[in-house]
Amino acid sequence: MYKPCFVLYLVLLVAVTSCYDENGTYGERLVSSSFRNVQVDTSTVWVTSVLIDSLETSGKGIALAGEYIHPLWGKMLSSAFIPYQRPSYNTEADETVVLDSLVLLLSPNGYFVGDTTMPLTIGIHQLTEKISLNDNGYLYNKSSVMYEEEPLATYTFKPKPRNPDLLEIRLSDALGHDLLTKFHTGDQAVSNDRFEDYFKGIVLIPEGESNQALIAFSVADTATAISLRYHITDELENNKELLFKAKTETQFNQIVHNRTGTLMENYPSRQLEIPSDSLGNRGVLMCGTGWYVRLEFPYLNNFREQGEYVEIEQAYLKIYPEPGSYSAYNTLPDSIYLYIADENNVITDAVKDYLGEEVQVGVLMKDDTFDENTYYYFDVTDFMQQELGASGKYKHNLQLVYNATDYTGTLKNLTISDQKGRTPIILQLTYAIYESY
């Protein structure tokens, strides 16, 4: 009559989980069984920061201008190069026209990084070289176009990036007079075929030594347009406007990363991979400049040595932002992603949700009291199950990245720790060991 109770006791006993370090051995005190469930959170993860050679920044509809100094990774400066379309001019040639002003209209799109309570100074320079896309149809964060050394205007202001109101920056009257005269007289220099050779556009450049913020402006329709305002003499309602709209397809942002004084200083600027132990046990993702993090799991197959058959049941990855690397002026990203790559770092798939349909978003678990308890959370069970037993060219790594829009249109960044860092990355595995089939 007591036999069922004994069986239940035995089942409960063998189901108890134990902790195991892949570099250690499991104790002989464990009850012999056909299988055991084991949970570990010390599995080795290699962290490497990888620099993308170039990021496409043309045609994104965003003008990034300003400067930001990261506490660990140096100074980022962005300049926005903007060409313009030829407008239609309808004032009759026999009318007498008078220039009122030439004004650049800028509309913040809401994104910023850095201290926007401090003044930001931007110089507006006229281009001396026409913007042309490369043969592949793109321009990049490292692209550049020549421009006049003397600015058309210099504008200092305290940014209000979430304020939708347009900024109005008065440009050179000399350029305004020249544009109005050529359009009014029908000069061939501003004809449909020649306009871009005459007026090649402008560039917004952070100037001075005190800039501490970078903000984004929309580039579409009337946003980032140039308004030529004039009037016709001897008329009651004589105010006119000639609106030059930006050419979104060839507008691009040049982003310069000055790494002087940082742990990256002595490394080359292209085709770069830096292991975390060379960066103070850190990895870094940084939009605009092109950094992402590669995660590798070199000893995963060691688990197979623990029994006749080993099966991963659950796998969770916790990625901790390093305290001090983010702030109210450089906020943590809401979304990061994991992609699967082969031995050549070529992406083959994404880490997807539990249905296997959508790309999984790293869930930010934020602790406003203790920064060390803030982390991103991924379920990587399917990836680890597929990876267990893989070797050679069949082995894969994970790439921790932002989405393409953030990479090419922001300076969002994330600094994480490896397993020896201040807030170690954790791979938590639960697996079953079968002693016999």
Protein backbone atom coordinates (compact mmCIF):
# COMPACT_ATOMS: atom_id res chain seq x y z
CA MET A 1 0.00 0.00 0.00
CA TYR A 2 3.02 2.33 0.40
CA LYS A 3 4.56 1.56 -2.95
CA PRO A 4 2.90 4.47 -4.88
CA CYS A 5 4.21 6.99 -2.34
CA PHE A 6 7.73 5.59 -2.74
CA VAL A 7 7.54 5.94 -6.54
CA LEU A 8 6.32 9.54 -6.27
CA TYR A 9 9.17 10.34 -3.90
CA LEU A 10 11.70 8.89 -6.32
CA VAL A 11 10.32 10.89 -9.26
CA LEU A 12 10.52 14.14 -7.29
CA LEU A 13 14.03 13.39 -6.17
CA VAL A 14 15.50 12.81 -9.62
CA ALA A 15 13.82 15.91 -11.01
CA VAL A 16 15.76 18.23 -8.70
CA THR A 17 18.02 20.52 -10.78
CA SER A 18 21.66 21.17 -10.04
CA CYS A 19 24.14 23.90 -11.01
CA TYR A 20 27.01 23.01 -13.29
CA ASP A 21 29.94 24.98 -14.66
CA GLU A 22 30.95 23.71 -18.09
CA ASN A 23 34.59 23.94 -17.02
CA GLY A 24 34.01 21.83 -13.88
CA THR A 25 32.51 18.39 -13.18
CA TYR A 26 29.17 17.40 -11.77
CA GLY A 27 29.19 15.78 -8.35
CA GLU A 28 28.81 12.06 -7.78
CA ARG A 29 26.26 12.81 -5.07
CA LEU A 30 23.57 13.10 -7.76
CA VAL A 31 21.01 10.32 -7.82
CA SER A 32 21.54 7.85 -10.68
CA SER A 33 18.81 8.25 -13.25
CA SER A 34 18.07 7.85 -16.93
CA PHE A 35 18.10 11.65 -17.22
CA ARG A 36 18.81 14.79 -15.20
CA ASN A 37 17.88 18.46 -15.64
CA VAL A 38 20.81 20.82 -15.14
CA GLN A 39 20.87 24.63 -15.06
CA VAL A 40 24.02 26.73 -15.56
CA ASP A 41 24.65 30.46 -15.90
CA THR A 42 28.45 30.40 -16.34
CA SER A 43 28.65 29.24 -19.94
CA THR A 44 31.44 31.08 -21.77
CA VAL A 45 30.47 33.96 -24.11
CA TRP A 46 33.10 35.70 -26.21
CA VAL A 47 32.32 39.38 -26.88
CA THR A 48 33.87 41.17 -29.87
CA SER A 49 33.17 44.69 -31.16
CA VAL A 50 33.08 44.85 -34.97
CA LEU A 51 33.19 47.98 -37.12
CA ILE A 52 31.15 48.04 -40.33
CA ASP A 53 33.31 49.51 -43.10
CA SER A 54 30.68 52.06 -44.23
CA LEU A 55 27.06 52.88 -43.46
CA GLU A 56 24.65 54.10 -46.13
CA THR A 57 23.37 57.51 -44.99
CA SER A 58 21.93 58.91 -48.23
CA GLY A 59 18.21 59.13 -48.90
CA LYS A 60 17.16 58.57 -45.28
CA GLY A 61 15.15 61.78 -44.87
CA ILE A 62 17.22 62.82 -41.83
CA ALA A 63 19.84 65.56 -41.44
CA LEU A 64 22.12 64.98 -38.43
CA ALA A 65 24.10 67.98 -37.23
CA GLY A 66 26.10 68.50 -34.07
CA GLU A 67 28.63 66.92 -31.78
CA TYR A 68 28.53 64.41 -28.94
CA ILE A 69 31.32 63.20 -26.62
CA HIS A 70 30.77 59.71 -25.23
CA PRO A 71 32.29 59.08 -21.77
CA LEU A 72 34.16 56.00 -23.07
CA TRP A 73 34.35 56.07 -26.86
CA GLY A 74 35.29 59.61 -27.84
CA LYS A 75 33.81 62.37 -29.95
CA MET A 76 31.21 61.96 -32.71
CA LEU A 77 30.62 64.83 -35.15
CA SER A 78 27.97 64.83 -37.86
CA SER A 79 27.58 67.16 -40.83
CA ALA A 80 24.51 67.11 -43.08
CA PHE A 81 25.00 67.63 -46.84
CA ILE A 82 21.83 68.84 -48.57
CA PRO A 83 21.25 69.46 -52.32
CA TYR A 84 18.13 71.24 -53.62
CA GLN A 85 15.57 70.97 -56.38
CA ARG A 86 14.91 73.77 -58.82
CA PRO A 87 11.66 75.58 -57.96
CA SER A 88 9.19 77.06 -60.44
CA TYR A 89 9.42 80.85 -60.75
CA ASN A 90 6.22 82.62 -61.91
CA THR A 91 6.83 86.35 -61.51
CA GLU A 92 6.76 88.18 -64.84
CA ALA A 93 10.07 89.57 -66.07
CA ASP A 94 8.67 93.10 -66.50
CA GLU A 95 7.84 93.35 -62.78
CA THR A 96 10.27 94.96 -60.37
CA VAL A 97 11.28 92.57 -57.58
CA VAL A 98 13.05 93.28 -54.30
CA LEU A 99 14.71 90.71 -52.01
CA ASP A 100 13.42 90.50 -48.45
CA SER A 101 15.45 87.55 -47.12
CA LEU A 102 16.91 84.12 -47.83
CA VAL A 103 16.03 81.75 -44.98
CA LEU A 104 16.88 78.13 -44.17
CA LEU A 105 13.96 76.29 -42.53
CA LEU A 106 14.87 73.42 -40.18
CA SER A 107 12.37 71.14 -38.43
CA PRO A 108 13.66 68.94 -35.54
CA ASN A 109 12.38 65.36 -35.85
CA GLY A 110 12.61 64.61 -32.10
CA TYR A 111 15.88 62.68 -31.93
CA PHE A 112 18.89 64.03 -30.04
CA VAL A 113 21.91 62.88 -28.09
CA GLY A 114 23.91 65.01 -25.67
CA ASP A 115 23.20 68.00 -23.43
CA THR A 116 20.56 70.12 -25.14
CA THR A 117 20.58 72.65 -22.30
CA MET A 118 23.88 73.94 -23.69
CA PRO A 119 24.14 76.14 -26.81
CA LEU A 120 24.81 74.43 -30.14
CA THR A 121 26.54 76.30 -32.96
CA ILE A 122 26.01 75.24 -36.58
CA GLY A 123 27.67 76.76 -39.61
CA ILE A 124 25.81 76.72 -42.95
CA HIS A 125 28.26 76.52 -45.86
CA GLN A 126 27.58 76.52 -49.60
CA LEU A 127 28.76 73.46 -51.53
CA THR A 128 31.33 73.92 -54.30
CA GLU A 129 30.96 70.35 -55.56
CA LYS A 130 27.80 68.73 -56.85
CA ILE A 131 26.51 65.80 -54.82
CA SER A 132 26.43 62.61 -56.88
CA LEU A 133 25.65 59.10 -55.74
CA ASN A 134 28.31 56.43 -56.07
CA ASP A 135 28.01 53.86 -58.84
CA ASN A 136 26.09 51.59 -56.46
CA GLY A 137 23.52 54.32 -55.81
CA TYR A 138 24.56 55.31 -52.27
CA LEU A 139 26.56 57.76 -50.20
CA TYR A 140 28.02 56.83 -46.83
CA ASN A 141 28.94 58.10 -43.38
CA LYS A 142 32.51 58.50 -44.67
CA SER A 143 31.52 60.33 -47.90
CA SER A 144 32.40 64.00 -48.35
CA VAL A 145 31.80 66.91 -50.72
CA MET A 146 33.77 70.17 -51.03
CA TYR A 147 32.30 73.41 -49.67
CA GLU A 148 33.12 77.09 -49.17
CA GLU A 149 35.25 77.87 -46.12
CA GLU A 150 33.28 81.06 -45.36
CA PRO A 151 29.78 80.23 -44.05
CA LEU A 152 26.57 81.64 -45.43
CA ALA A 153 25.49 81.96 -41.81
CA THR A 154 26.45 80.80 -38.32
CA TYR A 155 23.62 79.98 -35.95
CA THR A 156 23.85 79.43 -32.19
CA PHE A 157 20.82 78.18 -30.28
CA LYS A 158 19.70 75.95 -27.41
CA PRO A 159 18.17 72.91 -29.11
CA LYS A 160 14.60 71.94 -28.38
CA PRO A 161 14.52 68.67 -30.35
CA ARG A 162 10.98 67.77 -29.32
CA ASN A 163 9.66 71.18 -30.33
CA PRO A 164 8.00 70.80 -33.77
CA ASP A 165 8.36 74.49 -34.60
CA LEU A 166 10.59 75.38 -37.53
CA LEU A 167 13.93 77.06 -36.97
CA GLU A 168 14.49 79.99 -39.32
CA ILE A 169 18.11 80.82 -40.11
CA ARG A 170 18.78 83.84 -42.28
CA LEU A 171 21.37 83.15 -44.96
CA SER A 172 23.61 85.47 -46.96
CA ASP A 173 21.78 88.34 -48.69
CA ALA A 174 24.40 88.20 -51.46
CA LEU A 175 23.32 84.64 -52.34
CA GLY A 176 19.68 85.71 -52.08
CA HIS A 177 20.16 88.60 -54.49
CA ASP A 178 22.03 86.40 -56.93
CA LEU A 179 19.35 83.68 -56.90
CA LEU A 180 16.50 86.18 -57.30
CA THR A 181 18.23 88.03 -60.14
CA LYS A 182 19.01 84.88 -62.09
CA PHE A 183 15.49 83.46 -61.76
CA HIS A 184 13.83 86.78 -62.58
CA THR A 185 15.95 87.40 -65.69
CA GLY A 186 15.68 83.81 -66.91
CA ASP A 187 19.41 83.21 -66.68
CA GLN A 188 20.39 79.83 -68.19
CA ALA A 189 22.47 79.10 -65.07
CA VAL A 190 19.22 78.31 -63.21
CA SER A 191 17.51 76.41 -66.02
CA ASN A 192 16.22 72.91 -65.40
CA ASP A 193 19.35 71.33 -66.86
CA ARG A 194 21.90 73.56 -65.15
CA PHE A 195 20.45 74.55 -61.77
CA GLU A 196 22.34 71.96 -59.71
CA ASP A 197 25.60 72.94 -61.36
CA TYR A 198 24.99 76.54 -60.30
CA PHE A 199 23.57 76.01 -56.79
CA LYS A 200 24.96 72.74 -55.49
CA GLY A 201 23.44 72.91 -52.04
CA ILE A 202 24.59 73.46 -48.45
CA VAL A 203 26.17 71.60 -45.56
CA LEU A 204 25.35 71.97 -41.86
CA ILE A 205 28.54 71.71 -39.80
CA PRO A 206 29.01 71.84 -36.00
CA GLU A 207 31.41 74.71 -35.29
CA GLY A 208 33.29 75.92 -32.23
CA GLU A 209 34.65 74.04 -29.22
CA SER A 210 31.67 74.10 -26.85
CA ASN A 211 29.10 71.94 -28.67
CA GLN A 212 27.75 69.10 -26.53
CA ALA A 213 24.71 67.86 -28.46
CA LEU A 214 23.65 66.47 -31.81
CA ILE A 215 20.12 66.76 -33.14
CA ALA A 216 18.21 65.45 -36.15
CA PHE A 217 16.13 67.43 -38.64
CA SER A 218 13.53 66.08 -41.02
CA VAL A 219 14.33 66.26 -44.74
CA ALA A 220 11.05 66.12 -46.68
CA ASP A 221 8.66 68.50 -48.46
CA THR A 222 9.04 71.92 -46.82
CA ALA A 223 11.26 70.61 -43.99
CA THR A 224 14.89 71.69 -44.50
CA ALA A 225 13.76 73.93 -47.36
CA ILE A 226 15.29 77.26 -48.30
CA SER A 227 12.82 80.13 -48.59
CA LEU A 228 13.65 83.05 -50.87
CA ARG A 229 11.30 85.84 -49.81
CA TYR A 230 10.79 88.88 -52.02
CA HIS A 231 8.16 91.38 -53.01
CA ILE A 232 6.97 93.14 -56.16
CA THR A 233 6.96 96.93 -56.01
CA ASP A 234 3.79 98.99 -56.57
CA GLU A 235 1.39 96.22 -55.51
CA LEU A 236 -0.83 95.96 -52.42
CA GLU A 237 -0.38 92.20 -51.89
CA ASN A 238 3.17 91.93 -53.05
CA ASN A 239 4.85 89.35 -50.78
CA LYS A 240 6.23 86.36 -52.69
CA GLU A 241 8.17 83.21 -51.82
CA LEU A 242 10.37 80.94 -53.89
CA LEU A 243 10.75 77.64 -52.03
CA PHE A 244 13.75 75.41 -52.68
CA LYS A 245 12.96 71.86 -51.50
CA ALA A 246 15.69 69.43 -50.53
CA LYS A 247 16.55 66.49 -52.80
CA THR A 248 16.04 63.65 -50.37
CA GLU A 249 17.58 60.95 -52.57
CA THR A 250 21.06 62.53 -52.55
CA GLN A 251 21.06 64.18 -49.12
CA PHE A 252 23.48 62.39 -46.77
CA ASN A 253 25.24 62.66 -43.40
CA GLN A 254 28.97 62.49 -42.84
CA ILE A 255 29.82 61.14 -39.37
CA VAL A 256 33.34 61.42 -37.97
CA HIS A 257 34.44 59.37 -34.95
CA ASN A 258 37.42 60.91 -33.14
CA ARG A 259 38.78 58.14 -30.86
CA THR A 260 41.71 60.12 -29.45
CA GLY A 261 42.27 59.34 -25.78
CA THR A 262 40.11 56.20 -25.81
CA LEU A 263 40.93 52.47 -25.73
CA MET A 264 40.22 52.45 -29.49
CA GLU A 265 42.77 55.15 -30.34
CA ASN A 266 45.52 52.94 -31.77
CA TYR A 267 43.27 50.79 -33.93
CA PRO A 268 42.67 51.43 -37.66
CA SER A 269 39.47 53.10 -38.80
CA ARG A 270 38.18 50.34 -41.11
CA GLN A 271 37.56 46.57 -41.14
CA LEU A 272 38.12 46.33 -37.43
CA GLU A 273 37.36 43.65 -34.82
CA ILE A 274 38.33 44.27 -31.18
CA PRO A 275 37.94 41.59 -28.49
CA SER A 276 36.39 42.77 -25.25
CA ASP A 277 39.54 42.24 -23.18
CA SER A 278 41.19 45.00 -25.27
CA LEU A 279 38.35 47.41 -24.45
CA GLY A 280 38.30 47.06 -20.69
CA ASN A 281 36.08 43.93 -20.85
CA ARG A 282 33.46 45.74 -22.91
CA GLY A 283 31.64 45.54 -26.19
CA VAL A 284 30.03 48.49 -27.95
CA LEU A 285 27.20 49.08 -30.43
CA MET A 286 27.17 52.55 -31.95
CA CYS A 287 24.90 53.81 -34.69
CA GLY A 288 26.21 56.29 -37.23
CA THR A 289 29.78 55.06 -36.80
CA GLY A 290 28.90 51.40 -37.50
CA TRP A 291 29.88 49.38 -34.41
CA TYR A 292 28.07 46.16 -33.49
CA VAL A 293 28.83 43.23 -31.16
CA ARG A 294 29.53 39.62 -32.09
CA LEU A 295 28.76 36.92 -29.51
CA GLU A 296 30.39 33.49 -29.72
CA PHE A 297 29.93 30.35 -27.62
CA PRO A 298 33.19 28.39 -28.01
CA TYR A 299 32.59 25.61 -25.46
CA LEU A 300 28.93 24.84 -26.06
CA ASN A 301 29.72 21.36 -27.37
CA ASN A 302 31.44 20.45 -24.09
CA PHE A 303 27.98 19.81 -22.64
CA ARG A 304 27.67 16.77 -24.90
CA GLU A 305 30.40 15.02 -22.92
CA GLN A 306 28.21 14.76 -19.82
CA GLY A 307 26.05 11.88 -20.96
CA GLU A 308 25.11 9.65 -23.83
CA TYR A 309 22.72 12.31 -25.05
CA VAL A 310 22.33 15.98 -24.06
CA GLU A 311 19.41 18.20 -25.05
CA ILE A 312 19.08 21.95 -24.43
CA GLU A 313 15.63 22.71 -23.06
CA GLN A 314 15.85 26.46 -22.44
CA ALA A 315 18.41 29.18 -23.14
CA TYR A 316 18.18 32.81 -22.09
CA LEU A 317 20.65 35.61 -22.74
CA LYS A 318 20.89 38.61 -20.40
CA ILE A 319 22.85 41.62 -21.65
CA TYR A 320 23.63 44.36 -19.12
CA PRO A 321 24.36 47.97 -20.15
CA GLU A 322 27.40 49.31 -18.31
CA PRO A 323 26.40 51.90 -15.67
CA GLY A 324 27.86 55.31 -16.49
CA SER A 325 27.80 54.68 -20.24
CA TYR A 326 24.25 56.02 -20.55
CA SER A 327 22.33 58.93 -19.04
CA ALA A 328 19.37 61.25 -19.52
CA TYR A 329 21.37 62.82 -22.38
CA ASN A 330 22.28 59.45 -23.90
CA THR A 331 19.35 57.18 -23.16
CA LEU A 332 19.28 53.41 -23.49
CA PRO A 333 17.77 52.15 -26.75
CA ASP A 334 14.31 50.64 -26.50
CA SER A 335 15.10 47.93 -29.03
CA ILE A 336 18.10 45.79 -29.91
CA TYR A 337 18.17 42.62 -32.01
CA LEU A 338 20.12 39.40 -32.44
CA TYR A 339 20.96 38.05 -35.88
CA ILE A 340 22.57 34.72 -36.72
CA ALA A 341 25.77 34.81 -38.78
CA ASP A 342 28.11 32.22 -40.27
CA GLU A 343 31.89 31.92 -39.86
CA ASN A 344 32.37 34.82 -42.34
CA ASN A 345 30.03 37.14 -40.37
CA VAL A 346 27.41 36.85 -43.12
CA ILE A 347 23.90 37.01 -41.65
CA THR A 348 21.87 33.88 -42.35
CA ASP A 349 18.81 34.43 -40.14
CA ALA A 350 17.44 36.28 -37.14
CA VAL A 351 16.68 35.20 -33.60
CA LYS A 352 12.89 35.12 -33.80
CA ASP A 353 9.99 35.07 -31.37
CA TYR A 354 8.53 31.89 -29.90
CA LEU A 355 6.29 31.46 -32.95
CA GLY A 356 9.30 31.63 -35.24
CA GLU A 357 7.67 34.36 -37.34
CA GLU A 358 8.85 37.79 -36.15
CA VAL A 359 12.35 39.01 -35.36
CA GLN A 360 12.69 38.95 -31.60
CA VAL A 361 13.23 42.30 -29.87
CA GLY A 362 15.50 42.39 -26.84
CA VAL A 363 13.24 43.22 -23.91
CA LEU A 364 14.64 46.02 -21.73
CA MET A 365 14.15 45.20 -18.04
CA LYS A 366 14.91 48.56 -16.44
CA ASP A 367 15.69 49.07 -12.76
CA ASP A 368 15.54 52.79 -11.98
CA THR A 369 16.95 52.22 -8.49
CA PHE A 370 19.97 50.03 -9.23
CA ASP A 371 21.56 50.41 -12.68
CA GLU A 372 23.31 47.05 -12.28
CA ASN A 373 19.92 45.32 -12.44
CA THR A 374 18.99 46.81 -15.82
CA TYR A 375 19.36 44.35 -18.70
CA TYR A 376 18.09 43.20 -22.10
CA TYR A 377 16.57 39.76 -22.29
CA PHE A 378 16.50 37.30 -25.20
CA ASP A 379 15.13 33.79 -25.52
CA VAL A 380 17.80 32.00 -27.57
CA THR A 381 16.55 28.45 -27.01
CA ASP A 382 16.04 27.58 -30.66
CA PHE A 383 19.46 28.93 -31.66
CA MET A 384 21.27 27.00 -28.94
CA GLN A 385 19.40 23.81 -29.78
CA GLN A 386 20.46 24.12 -33.41
CA GLU A 387 24.02 25.07 -32.50
CA LEU A 388 24.67 22.20 -30.06
CA GLY A 389 26.84 19.73 -31.96
CA ALA A 390 27.72 22.11 -34.81
CA SER A 391 31.37 22.54 -35.75
CA GLY A 392 33.58 24.05 -38.44
CA LYS A 393 31.74 25.83 -41.21
CA TYR A 394 28.42 24.81 -39.69
CA LYS A 395 29.03 26.78 -36.50
CA HIS A 396 27.35 30.18 -36.09
CA ASN A 397 27.63 33.29 -33.95
CA LEU A 398 25.15 35.94 -32.88
CA GLN A 399 25.33 39.59 -33.86
CA LEU A 400 23.87 42.14 -31.45
CA VAL A 401 22.66 45.07 -33.55
CA TYR A 402 20.19 47.92 -33.97
CA ASN A 403 17.70 48.14 -36.80
CA ALA A 404 18.83 49.72 -40.08
CA THR A 405 16.90 52.94 -39.48
CA ASP A 406 18.69 53.61 -36.20
CA TYR A 407 22.12 52.70 -37.60
CA THR A 408 21.87 55.19 -40.45
CA GLY A 409 19.82 57.95 -38.83
CA THR A 410 20.95 58.24 -35.19
CA LEU A 411 23.93 57.98 -32.87
CA LYS A 412 22.23 55.57 -30.47
CA ASN A 413 24.78 53.52 -28.58
CA LEU A 414 25.05 50.71 -26.05
CA THR A 415 28.07 49.59 -24.02
CA ILE A 416 27.93 46.10 -22.51
CA SER A 417 30.26 44.00 -20.32
CA ASP A 418 31.77 40.63 -21.05
CA GLN A 419 31.87 37.99 -18.30
CA LYS A 420 34.78 39.70 -16.54
CA GLY A 421 33.24 43.17 -16.70
CA ARG A 422 31.36 45.23 -14.17
CA THR A 423 27.95 43.85 -15.16
CA PRO A 424 28.69 40.48 -16.79
CA ILE A 425 26.75 39.09 -19.71
CA ILE A 426 24.90 35.88 -18.75
CA LEU A 427 23.93 32.89 -20.84
CA GLN A 428 21.52 30.80 -18.76
CA LEU A 429 21.08 27.24 -20.01
CA THR A 430 18.76 24.48 -18.84
CA TYR A 431 19.51 21.11 -20.38
CA ALA A 432 18.71 17.43 -19.91
CA ILE A 433 21.36 14.72 -19.64
CA TYR A 434 20.31 11.26 -20.72
CA GLU A 435 22.48 8.38 -19.50
CA SER A 436 20.82 5.89 -21.86
CA TYR A 437 18.24 6.06 -24.64
